C-alpha atoms as a PDB file:
ATOM      1  CA  MET A   1       0.298   0.139  -0.011  1.00  0.00           C
ATOM      2  CA  THR A   2       1.714   3.406  -0.857  1.00  0.00           C
ATOM      3  CA  GLY A   3       1.699   6.433   1.380  1.00  0.00           C
ATOM      4  CA  GLN A   4      -1.163   7.702  -0.641  1.00  0.00           C
ATOM      5  CA  GLN A   5      -3.506   4.835  -0.437  1.00  0.00           C
ATOM      6  CA  LYS A   6      -2.610   4.684   3.319  1.00  0.00           C
ATOM      7  CA  ASP A   7      -3.735   8.439   3.861  1.00  0.00           C
ATOM      8  CA  ILE A   8      -7.075   7.908   1.824  1.00  0.00           C
ATOM      9  CA  SER A   9      -7.373   4.704   4.015  1.00  0.00           C
ATOM     10  CA  LEU A  10      -6.856   6.443   7.305  1.00  0.00           C
ATOM     11  CA  LYS A  11      -9.393   9.356   6.111  1.00  0.00           C
ATOM     12  CA  HIS A  12     -12.180   6.761   5.416  1.00  0.00           C
ATOM     13  CA  ALA A  13     -11.243   5.080   8.719  1.00  0.00           C
ATOM     14  CA  ILE A  14     -11.593   8.553  10.712  1.00  0.00           C
ATOM     15  CA  HIS A  15     -15.047   9.457   9.000  1.00  0.00           C
ATOM     16  CA  ASP A  16     -16.381   6.102   9.572  1.00  0.00           C
ATOM     17  CA  LEU A  17     -15.559   6.428  13.830  1.00  0.00           C
ATOM     18  CA  ASN A  18     -16.787   9.719  13.864  1.00  0.00           C
ATOM     19  CA  SER A  19     -19.964   8.525  12.064  1.00  0.00           C
ATOM     20  CA  LEU A  20     -20.075   5.989  14.587  1.00  0.00           C
ATOM     21  CA  PHE A  21     -19.543   8.709  17.673  1.00  0.00           C
ATOM     22  CA  THR A  22     -21.983  10.966  16.130  1.00  0.00           C
ATOM     23  CA  LYS A  23     -24.937   7.872  16.002  1.00  0.00           C
ATOM     24  CA  ILE A  24     -23.905   7.312  19.904  1.00  0.00           C
ATOM     25  CA  LEU A  25     -24.008  10.829  20.928  1.00  0.00           C
ATOM     26  CA  ASN A  26     -27.416  11.415  18.772  1.00  0.00           C
ATOM     27  CA  SER A  27     -28.984   8.205  20.942  1.00  0.00           C
ATOM     28  CA  ILE A  28     -27.260   9.770  24.225  1.00  0.00           C
ATOM     29  CA  GLU A  29     -28.713  13.161  23.311  1.00  0.00           C
ATOM     30  CA  LEU A  30     -32.475  11.082  22.919  1.00  0.00           C
ATOM     31  CA  LEU A  31     -31.943   9.328  26.326  1.00  0.00           C
ATOM     32  CA  LYS A  32     -30.913  12.335  28.206  1.00  0.00           C
ATOM     33  CA  SER A  33     -34.193  14.094  27.000  1.00  0.00           C
ATOM     34  CA  LYS A  34     -36.150  11.336  28.463  1.00  0.00           C
ATOM     35  CA  THR A  35     -34.469  10.939  31.627  1.00  0.00           C
ATOM     36  CA  ASP A  36     -35.237  13.237  34.492  1.00  0.00           C
ATOM     37  CA  LYS A  37     -31.942  14.717  36.151  1.00  0.00           C
ATOM     38  CA  SER A  38     -32.297  13.706  39.157  1.00  0.00           C
ATOM     39  CA  ASN A  39     -32.096   9.946  37.681  1.00  0.00           C
ATOM     40  CA  LYS A  40     -29.128   8.180  39.436  1.00  0.00           C
ATOM     41  CA  ASN A  41     -28.562   7.201  36.042  1.00  0.00           C
ATOM     42  CA  PHE A  42     -28.441  10.472  34.509  1.00  0.00           C
ATOM     43  CA  LEU A  43     -24.708  11.273  35.503  1.00  0.00           C
ATOM     44  CA  LEU A  44     -23.853   7.797  34.043  1.00  0.00           C
ATOM     45  CA  ILE A  45     -25.290   8.810  30.601  1.00  0.00           C
ATOM     46  CA  ASN A  46     -23.390  12.400  30.845  1.00  0.00           C
ATOM     47  CA  SER A  47     -20.076   9.994  31.543  1.00  0.00           C
ATOM     48  CA  ILE A  48     -20.670   8.169  28.703  1.00  0.00           C
ATOM     49  CA  GLU A  49     -21.617  11.405  26.851  1.00  0.00           C
ATOM     50  CA  THR A  50     -18.053  12.979  27.683  1.00  0.00           C
ATOM     51  CA  ASN A  51     -15.967  10.022  27.245  1.00  0.00           C
ATOM     52  CA  ILE A  52     -17.290   9.847  23.589  1.00  0.00           C
ATOM     53  CA  TYR A  53     -15.952  13.541  23.494  1.00  0.00           C
ATOM     54  CA  LEU A  54     -13.223  12.904  24.683  1.00  0.00           C
ATOM     55  CA  ALA A  55     -12.177  10.102  22.154  1.00  0.00           C
ATOM     56  CA  SER A  56     -12.996  12.188  19.044  1.00  0.00           C
ATOM     57  CA  GLU A  57     -11.022  15.183  20.170  1.00  0.00           C
ATOM     58  CA  ILE A  58      -7.920  12.416  20.745  1.00  0.00           C
ATOM     59  CA  ILE A  59      -8.643  11.275  16.971  1.00  0.00           C
ATOM     60  CA  GLU A  60      -8.906  14.534  15.897  1.00  0.00           C
ATOM     61  CA  GLU A  61      -5.260  15.604  17.222  1.00  0.00           C
ATOM     62  CA  LEU A  62      -3.545  12.306  16.225  1.00  0.00           C
ATOM     63  CA  ILE A  63      -4.731  12.574  12.275  1.00  0.00           C
ATOM     64  CA  SER A  64      -4.046  16.433  12.924  1.00  0.00           C
ATOM     65  CA  GLN A  65      -1.600  17.698   9.991  1.00  0.00           C
ATOM     66  CA  ASN A  66      -1.752  21.513  11.016  1.00  0.00           C
ATOM     67  CA  LYS A  67      -1.838  21.615  14.774  1.00  0.00           C
ATOM     68  CA  ASP A  68      -3.045  25.025  14.381  1.00  0.00           C
ATOM     69  CA  SER A  69      -6.300  24.050  12.776  1.00  0.00           C
ATOM     70  CA  ARG A  70      -8.122  23.156  15.831  1.00  0.00           C
ATOM     71  CA  ASN A  71     -11.562  22.204  15.657  1.00  0.00           C
ATOM     72  CA  PHE A  72     -13.259  24.089  18.826  1.00  0.00           C
ATOM     73  CA  HIS A  73     -16.776  23.145  20.846  1.00  0.00           C
ATOM     74  CA  LEU A  74     -18.466  25.103  23.433  1.00  0.00           C
ATOM     75  CA  VAL A  75     -17.627  23.642  26.643  1.00  0.00           C
ATOM     76  CA  ASN A  76     -19.148  23.606  30.037  1.00  0.00           C
ATOM     77  CA  ILE A  77     -16.827  23.919  32.780  1.00  0.00           C
ATOM     78  CA  ASN A  78     -19.035  22.483  35.021  1.00  0.00           C
ATOM     79  CA  SER A  79     -19.538  18.956  33.325  1.00  0.00           C
ATOM     80  CA  VAL A  80     -15.503  19.185  33.328  1.00  0.00           C
ATOM     81  CA  ILE A  81     -15.258  19.454  36.730  1.00  0.00           C
ATOM     82  CA  LYS A  82     -18.078  16.683  37.691  1.00  0.00           C
ATOM     83  CA  GLU A  83     -16.261  14.520  35.060  1.00  0.00           C
ATOM     84  CA  VAL A  84     -13.012  14.881  36.815  1.00  0.00           C
ATOM     85  CA  VAL A  85     -14.412  14.375  40.684  1.00  0.00           C
ATOM     86  CA  ASN A  86     -16.254  11.385  39.673  1.00  0.00           C
ATOM     87  CA  SER A  87     -13.402   9.738  37.650  1.00  0.00           C
ATOM     88  CA  PHE A  88     -10.721  11.077  40.491  1.00  0.00           C
ATOM     89  CA  PRO A  89      -8.655   8.196  42.003  1.00  0.00           C
ATOM     90  CA  GLN A  90      -8.832   8.760  46.138  1.00  0.00           C
ATOM     91  CA  SER A  91      -5.822   6.816  47.971  1.00  0.00           C
ATOM     92  CA  LYS A  92      -7.313   4.802  50.689  1.00  0.00           C
ATOM     93  CA  ASN A  93      -4.307   6.510  53.233  1.00  0.00           C
ATOM     94  CA  LYS A  94      -5.883   9.668  52.572  1.00  0.00           C
ATOM     95  CA  ASN A  95      -9.384  11.100  53.824  1.00  0.00           C
ATOM     96  CA  VAL A  96      -9.861  14.246  51.053  1.00  0.00           C
ATOM     97  CA  ASN A  97     -13.182  15.754  50.663  1.00  0.00           C
ATOM     98  CA  LEU A  98     -14.321  17.267  47.407  1.00  0.00           C
ATOM     99  CA  VAL A  99     -16.608  20.058  47.373  1.00  0.00           C
ATOM    100  CA  LEU A 100     -18.409  21.316  44.525  1.00  0.00           C
ATOM    101  CA  ASN A 101     -19.739  25.034  44.379  1.00  0.00           C
ATOM    102  CA  LEU A 102     -20.625  25.634  41.077  1.00  0.00           C
ATOM    103  CA  SER A 103     -22.886  28.428  39.195  1.00  0.00           C
ATOM    104  CA  SER A 104     -25.941  26.951  37.599  1.00  0.00           C
ATOM    105  CA  THR A 105     -26.033  29.806  35.012  1.00  0.00           C
ATOM    106  CA  LEU A 106     -22.149  28.962  34.159  1.00  0.00           C
ATOM    107  CA  ARG A 107     -21.229  30.541  30.555  1.00  0.00           C
ATOM    108  CA  LEU A 108     -19.610  28.053  28.308  1.00  0.00           C
ATOM    109  CA  ILE A 109     -16.151  28.268  26.831  1.00  0.00           C
ATOM    110  CA  ASN A 110     -14.833  27.584  23.462  1.00  0.00           C
ATOM    111  CA  GLY A 111     -12.106  24.942  22.983  1.00  0.00           C
ATOM    112  CA  LYS A 112     -11.488  21.175  23.393  1.00  0.00           C
ATOM    113  CA  TYR A 113     -13.164  19.334  26.369  1.00  0.00           C
ATOM    114  CA  SER A 114      -9.553  17.550  26.438  1.00  0.00           C
ATOM    115  CA  ASP A 115      -7.682  20.682  27.392  1.00  0.00           C
ATOM    116  CA  PHE A 116     -10.218  21.849  29.855  1.00  0.00           C
ATOM    117  CA  PHE A 117      -9.961  17.617  31.473  1.00  0.00           C
ATOM    118  CA  ARG A 118      -6.261  17.992  31.709  1.00  0.00           C
ATOM    119  CA  LEU A 119      -6.194  21.100  33.277  1.00  0.00           C
ATOM    120  CA  ILE A 120      -8.585  20.753  36.177  1.00  0.00           C
ATOM    121  CA  MET A 121      -7.501  17.051  36.879  1.00  0.00           C
ATOM    122  CA  ASN A 122      -3.447  18.419  37.391  1.00  0.00           C
ATOM    123  CA  LEU A 123      -5.012  20.837  39.575  1.00  0.00           C
ATOM    124  CA  VAL A 124      -6.948  18.776  41.672  1.00  0.00           C
ATOM    125  CA  SER A 125      -4.054  16.199  41.947  1.00  0.00           C
ATOM    126  CA  ASN A 126      -1.941  19.079  42.610  1.00  0.00           C
ATOM    127  CA  SER A 127      -4.042  19.812  45.466  1.00  0.00           C
ATOM    128  CA  TYR A 128      -4.625  16.466  46.622  1.00  0.00           C
ATOM    129  CA  GLU A 129      -0.876  16.118  46.817  1.00  0.00           C
ATOM    130  CA  ALA A 130      -0.597  18.752  48.865  1.00  0.00           C
ATOM    131  CA  ILE A 131      -3.305  17.597  51.901  1.00  0.00           C
ATOM    132  CA  GLN A 132      -1.316  15.109  53.805  1.00  0.00           C
ATOM    133  CA  GLN A 133      -3.888  13.005  56.041  1.00  0.00           C
ATOM    134  CA  LYS A 134      -7.265  14.652  55.812  1.00  0.00           C
ATOM    135  CA  GLY A 135      -8.259  17.530  54.300  1.00  0.00           C
ATOM    136  CA  GLU A 136     -10.924  19.337  51.845  1.00  0.00           C
ATOM    137  CA  ILE A 137     -10.693  20.679  48.124  1.00  0.00           C
ATOM    138  CA  ILE A 138     -13.247  23.177  47.018  1.00  0.00           C
ATOM    139  CA  LEU A 139     -14.035  23.492  43.201  1.00  0.00           C
ATOM    140  CA  SER A 140     -15.915  26.716  42.287  1.00  0.00           C
ATOM    141  CA  THR A 141     -17.223  28.510  39.037  1.00  0.00           C
ATOM    142  CA  SER A 142     -18.664  32.162  38.524  1.00  0.00           C
ATOM    143  CA  ASN A 143     -19.435  34.752  35.612  1.00  0.00           C
ATOM    144  CA  LEU A 144     -17.629  37.743  36.107  1.00  0.00           C
ATOM    145  CA  GLY A 145     -18.748  39.939  33.361  1.00  0.00           C
ATOM    146  CA  SER A 146     -17.546  38.682  29.998  1.00  0.00           C
ATOM    147  CA  GLU A 147     -14.985  35.820  31.905  1.00  0.00           C
ATOM    148  CA  ILE A 148     -15.741  32.966  33.865  1.00  0.00           C
ATOM    149  CA  LEU A 149     -13.443  32.129  36.909  1.00  0.00           C
ATOM    150  CA  ILE A 150     -13.039  28.905  38.383  1.00  0.00           C
ATOM    151  CA  GLU A 151     -11.055  28.356  41.644  1.00  0.00           C
ATOM    152  CA  ILE A 152      -9.737  25.470  43.314  1.00  0.00           C
ATOM    153  CA  LYS A 153      -8.784  25.926  46.627  1.00  0.00           C
ATOM    154  CA  ASP A 154      -7.370  23.386  49.126  1.00  0.00           C
ATOM    155  CA  ASN A 155      -6.171  23.060  53.144  1.00  0.00           C
ATOM    156  CA  GLY A 156      -2.666  21.362  51.890  1.00  0.00           C
ATOM    157  CA  ILE A 157       0.558  22.189  53.028  1.00  0.00           C
ATOM    158  CA  GLY A 158       1.033  25.409  51.313  1.00  0.00           C
ATOM    159  CA  ILE A 159       3.722  26.365  48.588  1.00  0.00           C
ATOM    160  CA  GLU A 160       6.782  28.575  49.760  1.00  0.00           C
ATOM    161  CA  LYS A 161       6.567  32.181  49.032  1.00  0.00           C
ATOM    162  CA  ASP A 162       9.859  31.950  46.925  1.00  0.00           C
ATOM    163  CA  ASN A 163       8.610  28.754  45.202  1.00  0.00           C
ATOM    164  CA  ILE A 164       5.618  30.678  43.896  1.00  0.00           C
ATOM    165  CA  PRO A 165       6.754  32.626  40.483  1.00  0.00           C
ATOM    166  CA  LYS A 166       8.785  29.020  39.978  1.00  0.00           C
ATOM    167  CA  ILE A 167       5.971  26.826  39.893  1.00  0.00           C
ATOM    168  CA  PHE A 168       5.066  27.030  36.508  1.00  0.00           C
ATOM    169  CA  GLU A 169       8.474  25.788  34.846  1.00  0.00           C
ATOM    170  CA  ASP A 170       9.147  22.813  32.983  1.00  0.00           C
ATOM    171  CA  ASN A 171      10.642  20.526  35.480  1.00  0.00           C
ATOM    172  CA  PHE A 172      10.024  22.267  38.499  1.00  0.00           C
ATOM    173  CA  SER A 173       9.824  20.472  41.635  1.00  0.00           C
ATOM    174  CA  THR A 174       9.651  21.405  45.757  1.00  0.00           C
ATOM    175  CA  LYS A 175      11.796  18.479  46.350  1.00  0.00           C
ATOM    176  CA  HIS A 176       9.355  17.499  49.146  1.00  0.00           C
ATOM    177  CA  LYS A 177       9.641  13.245  48.773  1.00  0.00           C
ATOM    178  CA  SER A 178       6.042  13.175  50.407  1.00  0.00           C
ATOM    179  CA  THR A 179       4.631  15.183  47.693  1.00  0.00           C
ATOM    180  CA  ASN A 180       4.253  15.470  44.134  1.00  0.00           C
ATOM    181  CA  LEU A 181       3.605  19.253  44.526  1.00  0.00           C
ATOM    182  CA  GLY A 182       4.371  21.554  41.325  1.00  0.00           C
ATOM    183  CA  VAL A 183       3.748  18.077  38.854  1.00  0.00           C
ATOM    184  CA  GLY A 184       1.588  19.156  36.001  1.00  0.00           C
ATOM    185  CA  LEU A 185       1.647  22.931  36.622  1.00  0.00           C
ATOM    186  CA  SER A 186       3.106  23.508  33.432  1.00  0.00           C
ATOM    187  CA  ILE A 187       0.796  21.771  31.608  1.00  0.00           C
ATOM    188  CA  VAL A 188      -1.928  23.819  33.484  1.00  0.00           C
ATOM    189  CA  LYS A 189      -0.008  26.981  32.259  1.00  0.00           C
ATOM    190  CA  ASN A 190       0.129  26.084  28.696  1.00  0.00           C
ATOM    191  CA  ILE A 191      -3.317  25.529  28.725  1.00  0.00           C
ATOM    192  CA  VAL A 192      -4.197  28.214  29.987  1.00  0.00           C
ATOM    193  CA  ASP A 193      -1.674  30.489  27.644  1.00  0.00           C
ATOM    194  CA  LYS A 194      -3.526  28.669  24.488  1.00  0.00           C
ATOM    195  CA  TYR A 195      -6.802  30.214  25.136  1.00  0.00           C
ATOM    196  CA  ASN A 196      -5.313  33.582  26.094  1.00  0.00           C
ATOM    197  CA  GLY A 197      -6.864  33.191  30.028  1.00  0.00           C
ATOM    198  CA  ARG A 198      -4.971  34.064  33.243  1.00  0.00           C
ATOM    199  CA  ILE A 199      -4.014  32.141  36.057  1.00  0.00           C
ATOM    200  CA  LEU A 200      -3.244  33.821  39.987  1.00  0.00           C
ATOM    201  CA  VAL A 201      -2.049  31.628  43.193  1.00  0.00           C
ATOM    202  CA  ASP A 202      -2.511  32.739  46.432  1.00  0.00           C
ATOM    203  CA  SER A 203      -0.384  30.148  48.833  1.00  0.00           C
ATOM    204  CA  LYS A 204       0.173  30.397  52.349  1.00  0.00           C
ATOM    205  CA  LYS A 205       2.651  27.528  54.096  1.00  0.00           C
ATOM    206  CA  ASN A 206       0.871  25.310  56.065  1.00  0.00           C
ATOM    207  CA  GLU A 207      -2.475  27.071  55.604  1.00  0.00           C
ATOM    208  CA  GLY A 208      -3.306  26.076  51.725  1.00  0.00           C
ATOM    209  CA  THR A 209      -3.661  26.954  48.120  1.00  0.00           C
ATOM    210  CA  THR A 210      -6.076  28.671  45.882  1.00  0.00           C
ATOM    211  CA  PHE A 211      -5.671  28.765  42.203  1.00  0.00           C
ATOM    212  CA  ARG A 212      -8.091  31.364  40.446  1.00  0.00           C
ATOM    213  CA  ILE A 213      -8.256  30.553  36.348  1.00  0.00           C
ATOM    214  CA  TYR A 214     -10.153  33.154  34.345  1.00  0.00           C
ATOM    215  CA  PHE A 215     -11.556  32.590  30.458  1.00  0.00           C
ATOM    216  CA  LEU A 216     -13.420  34.503  28.166  1.00  0.00           C
ATOM    217  CA  SER A 217     -16.861  33.006  28.180  1.00  0.00           C
ATOM    218  CA  GLU A 218     -19.475  32.925  25.145  1.00  0.00           C
ATOM    219  CA  GLU A 219     -23.030  34.188  25.100  1.00  0.00           C
ATOM    220  CA  THR A 220     -25.757  32.106  25.781  1.00  0.00           C
ATOM    221  CA  VAL A 221     -27.824  31.097  23.047  1.00  0.00           C
ATOM    222  CA  GLU A 222     -31.274  32.536  23.809  1.00  0.00           C
ATOM    223  CA  ARG A 223     -33.749  30.693  23.186  1.00  0.00           C
ATOM    224  CA  LYS A 224     -36.837  31.404  20.718  1.00  0.00           C
ATOM    225  CA  PHE A 225     -34.147  33.621  18.718  1.00  0.00           C
ATOM    226  CA  GLY A 226     -35.669  31.439  15.592  1.00  0.00           C
ATOM    227  CA  THR A 227     -38.567  34.111  15.077  1.00  0.00           C
ATOM    228  CA  ASN A 228     -40.168  31.838  12.321  1.00  0.00           C
ATOM    229  CA  LYS A 229     -37.009  31.840  10.083  1.00  0.00           C
ATOM    230  CA  LYS A 230     -36.553  28.878   7.761  1.00  0.00           C
ATOM    231  CA  ILE A 231     -33.960  26.021   7.502  1.00  0.00           C
ATOM    232  CA  LEU A 232     -33.496  23.095   5.385  1.00  0.00           C
ATOM    233  CA  ILE A 233     -31.243  20.514   6.640  1.00  0.00           C
ATOM    234  CA  ALA A 234     -30.072  18.029   4.623  1.00  0.00           C
ATOM    235  CA  GLU A 235     -28.663  14.691   6.827  1.00  0.00           C
ATOM    236  CA  ASP A 236     -29.145  10.877   6.179  1.00  0.00           C
ATOM    237  CA  GLU A 237     -29.167   9.974   9.358  1.00  0.00           C
ATOM    238  CA  ASN A 238     -32.521   9.188  10.441  1.00  0.00           C
ATOM    239  CA  ILE A 239     -32.120   9.620  14.599  1.00  0.00           C
ATOM    240  CA  LEU A 240     -29.837  13.099  13.684  1.00  0.00           C
ATOM    241  CA  ARG A 241     -31.831  14.325  11.216  1.00  0.00           C
ATOM    242  CA  GLU A 242     -35.146  14.130  13.773  1.00  0.00           C
ATOM    243  CA  LEU A 243     -33.055  15.218  16.538  1.00  0.00           C
ATOM    244  CA  LEU A 244     -31.985  18.387  14.571  1.00  0.00           C
ATOM    245  CA  THR A 245     -35.336  19.186  13.220  1.00  0.00           C
ATOM    246  CA  GLU A 246     -36.558  18.782  17.285  1.00  0.00           C
ATOM    247  CA  LEU A 247     -34.016  21.639  18.237  1.00  0.00           C
ATOM    248  CA  PHE A 248     -34.603  23.899  15.553  1.00  0.00           C
ATOM    249  CA  LEU A 249     -38.455  23.682  16.361  1.00  0.00           C
ATOM    250  CA  SER A 250     -37.657  24.236  19.833  1.00  0.00           C
ATOM    251  CA  TYR A 251     -35.812  27.797  18.885  1.00  0.00           C
ATOM    252  CA  ASP A 252     -38.928  28.846  17.153  1.00  0.00           C
ATOM    253  CA  PHE A 253     -37.412  28.115  13.437  1.00  0.00           C
ATOM    254  CA  GLN A 254     -39.448  26.611  10.664  1.00  0.00           C
ATOM    255  CA  VAL A 255     -37.838  23.267   9.711  1.00  0.00           C
ATOM    256  CA  THR A 256     -37.409  21.554   6.436  1.00  0.00           C
ATOM    257  CA  SER A 257     -35.201  18.099   6.555  1.00  0.00           C
ATOM    258  CA  VAL A 258     -34.167  15.799   4.061  1.00  0.00           C
ATOM    259  CA  GLN A 259     -32.011  12.782   3.327  1.00  0.00           C
ATOM    260  CA  ASP A 260     -30.306  12.870   0.194  1.00  0.00           C
ATOM    261  CA  GLY A 261     -28.687  15.916  -2.272  1.00  0.00           C
ATOM    262  CA  ASN A 262     -31.352  15.565  -4.794  1.00  0.00           C
ATOM    263  CA  GLU A 263     -33.831  16.390  -2.274  1.00  0.00           C
ATOM    264  CA  PHE A 264     -31.586  18.903  -1.015  1.00  0.00           C
ATOM    265  CA  LEU A 265     -31.642  20.726  -4.620  1.00  0.00           C
ATOM    266  CA  GLU A 266     -34.928  20.199  -5.587  1.00  0.00           C
ATOM    267  CA  GLU A 267     -36.186  21.676  -2.036  1.00  0.00           C
ATOM    268  CA  LEU A 268     -34.147  25.032  -2.099  1.00  0.00           C
ATOM    269  CA  PHE A 269     -34.533  25.243  -5.804  1.00  0.00           C
ATOM    270  CA  ASN A 270     -38.498  25.437  -5.185  1.00  0.00           C
ATOM    271  CA  ASN A 271     -38.527  27.366  -1.975  1.00  0.00           C
ATOM    272  CA  ARG A 272     -37.286  29.963  -0.078  1.00  0.00           C
ATOM    273  CA  TYR A 273     -35.125  29.711   3.062  1.00  0.00           C
ATOM    274  CA  ASP A 274     -33.136  31.356   5.359  1.00  0.00           C
ATOM    275  CA  ILE A 275     -29.887  28.997   6.046  1.00  0.00           C
ATOM    276  CA  LEU A 276     -29.048  25.465   5.424  1.00  0.00           C
ATOM    277  CA  ILE A 277     -27.629  22.965   7.177  1.00  0.00           C
ATOM    278  CA  VAL A 278     -25.835  20.139   4.864  1.00  0.00           C
ATOM    279  CA  ASP A 279     -23.856  16.903   5.816  1.00  0.00           C
ATOM    280  CA  LYS A 280     -20.700  16.292   3.633  1.00  0.00           C
ATOM    281  CA  ASN A 281     -21.562  12.846   2.589  1.00  0.00           C
ATOM    282  CA  ILE A 282     -25.432  13.118   1.804  1.00  0.00           C
ATOM    283  CA  PRO A 283     -26.035  10.290  -0.748  1.00  0.00           C
ATOM    284  CA  HIS A 284     -26.611  10.917  -4.467  1.00  0.00           C
ATOM    285  CA  VAL A 285     -25.293  14.536  -4.970  1.00  0.00           C
ATOM    286  CA  GLY A 286     -22.645  15.000  -1.922  1.00  0.00           C
ATOM    287  CA  GLY A 287     -22.908  18.114   0.328  1.00  0.00           C
ATOM    288  CA  THR A 288     -19.794  19.871  -1.090  1.00  0.00           C
ATOM    289  CA  GLU A 289     -21.126  19.417  -4.776  1.00  0.00           C
ATOM    290  CA  CYS A 290     -24.272  20.347  -3.199  1.00  0.00           C
ATOM    291  CA  VAL A 291     -22.748  23.773  -1.879  1.00  0.00           C
ATOM    292  CA  LYS A 292     -20.814  24.613  -5.607  1.00  0.00           C
ATOM    293  CA  ILE A 293     -23.960  24.090  -7.803  1.00  0.00           C
ATOM    294  CA  ILE A 294     -26.053  26.667  -5.217  1.00  0.00           C
ATOM    295  CA  ARG A 295     -22.974  29.052  -5.695  1.00  0.00           C
ATOM    296  CA  ASN A 296     -22.793  28.667  -9.544  1.00  0.00           C
ATOM    297  CA  ARG A 297     -26.577  29.718  -9.506  1.00  0.00           C
ATOM    298  CA  ASN A 298     -25.860  32.595  -7.416  1.00  0.00           C
ATOM    299  CA  ILE A 299     -28.091  31.207  -4.941  1.00  0.00           C
ATOM    300  CA  ASN A 300     -26.885  33.236  -1.790  1.00  0.00           C
ATOM    301  CA  VAL A 301     -28.179  32.097   1.114  1.00  0.00           C
ATOM    302  CA  PRO A 302     -25.887  30.860   4.086  1.00  0.00           C
ATOM    303  CA  ILE A 303     -24.900  27.252   4.395  1.00  0.00           C
ATOM    304  CA  ILE A 304     -23.188  25.241   7.145  1.00  0.00           C
ATOM    305  CA  LEU A 305     -21.228  22.585   6.053  1.00  0.00           C
ATOM    306  CA  ALA A 306     -21.063  19.347   8.282  1.00  0.00           C
ATOM    307  CA  SER A 307     -18.017  16.868   8.054  1.00  0.00           C
ATOM    308  CA  GLY A 308     -16.764  14.141  10.287  1.00  0.00           C
ATOM    309  CA  SER A 309     -13.579  13.970   8.086  1.00  0.00           C
ATOM    310  CA  SER A 310     -11.032  16.357   6.685  1.00  0.00           C
ATOM    311  CA  ILE A 311     -12.106  18.440   3.635  1.00  0.00           C
ATOM    312  CA  GLU A 312     -10.521  18.023   0.837  1.00  0.00           C
ATOM    313  CA  ASN A 313      -9.694  21.692  -1.256  1.00  0.00           C
ATOM    314  CA  GLY A 314     -10.775  22.872   2.112  1.00  0.00           C
ATOM    315  CA  ASN A 315     -10.046  26.684   1.259  1.00  0.00           C
ATOM    316  CA  GLU A 316     -12.085  26.683  -1.791  1.00  0.00           C
ATOM    317  CA  ILE A 317     -15.050  25.079   0.237  1.00  0.00           C
ATOM    318  CA  ASN A 318     -14.238  27.753   2.989  1.00  0.00           C
ATOM    319  CA  SER A 319     -14.556  30.276   0.489  1.00  0.00           C
ATOM    320  CA  LEU A 320     -18.550  29.241  -0.376  1.00  0.00           C
ATOM    321  CA  VAL A 321     -19.859  28.499   2.937  1.00  0.00           C
ATOM    322  CA  GLN A 322     -19.965  30.469   6.040  1.00  0.00           C
ATOM    323  CA  LYS A 323     -19.442  27.968   8.609  1.00  0.00           C
ATOM    324  CA  ILE A 324     -18.095  24.185   8.422  1.00  0.00           C
ATOM    325  CA  ILE A 325     -19.127  22.225  11.305  1.00  0.00           C
ATOM    326  CA  THR A 326     -17.152  18.795  12.639  1.00  0.00           C
ATOM    327  CA  LYS A 327     -18.878  16.022  13.297  1.00  0.00           C
ATOM    328  CA  PRO A 328     -19.921  14.453  16.295  1.00  0.00           C
ATOM    329  CA  TYR A 329     -22.538  17.341  16.463  1.00  0.00           C
ATOM    330  CA  ASN A 330     -21.996  19.784  19.619  1.00  0.00           C
ATOM    331  CA  PHE A 331     -25.624  20.974  19.575  1.00  0.00           C
ATOM    332  CA  GLU A 332     -24.651  24.575  21.597  1.00  0.00           C
ATOM    333  CA  GLU A 333     -22.114  25.025  18.747  1.00  0.00           C
ATOM    334  CA  LEU A 334     -24.240  24.665  16.042  1.00  0.00           C
ATOM    335  CA  LEU A 335     -26.865  26.669  17.379  1.00  0.00           C
ATOM    336  CA  LYS A 336     -24.677  29.559  18.501  1.00  0.00           C
ATOM    337  CA  ALA A 337     -23.381  29.401  14.625  1.00  0.00           C
ATOM    338  CA  VAL A 338     -26.878  29.786  13.040  1.00  0.00           C
ATOM    339  CA  ASN A 339     -27.309  32.642  15.781  1.00  0.00           C
ATOM    340  CA  GLU A 340     -24.424  34.498  14.689  1.00  0.00           C
ATOM    341  CA  ILE A 341     -24.868  33.872  10.943  1.00  0.00           C
ATOM    342  CA  LEU A 342     -28.426  35.181  11.078  1.00  0.00           C
ATOM    343  CA  VAL A 343     -27.777  38.136  13.626  1.00  0.00           C
END
């Protein structure tokens, strides 16, 4: 098999994996809509959803040839914190209480779930290591103007004042044999810098440490923003097509959905729509080909193209559509994109 054949085979495998992830996530979304949040199984459903997103992002990073072309999603930091707490491995030799004080109205962040998971996990791990036998770690979130604040506070051994400026350096160690304090903090700083955030440290020896992290947040999509605008969706997966239809109906859109390229073009040529969402790999006439046909007819309706794999001639397609969304769908991200395009 030649290098080119391997690349093609890899692209097909990635698309198939993302299709599987999308089907799983669609089923999870439907299951969540039918499960009361007070049900003990709701946390389990959220955990499955979270790990599917993490797996999708890991695959994306492995195959990305351009490290600067990142497909970000809208992330709920409260969900990240809960997932870290639920999966955190505690030692039998310690009694550490993890306390959550999370804002119920916390705004979302645009980024990768895996980045924020690593950030929170590293900070909680450091706080845990700083507590010698018994103690408490308090994880808090809040909205502050255009930012969100994440605060992680422990009552551990604290950090020497002279060491505080050094803790984010690579390979820094406090040289305490009984603790790994400082391990992973360079990773934390890199992630904070990646998202143009800020991190502040307040610590006193033998009293504890508080980390405060600030990130710019995204505006929350207001319900009923569609005001009866007409949207045409082309998606061949039945469950996903139904979910997308229900989603946009709940936001006051008039929705028409089809399952192949021929239906999509026929519907568009005979009716007026305010925005289109089309999957790249719909049957008969593919999504990218549909986009080219629409633009060749000088139809200027906004288009969102959805894809579970990389897009050939990406620059050409980018110039023809308003947005390219990476599958599996993140519904908050999709709503935000539609809202921004129609404003």
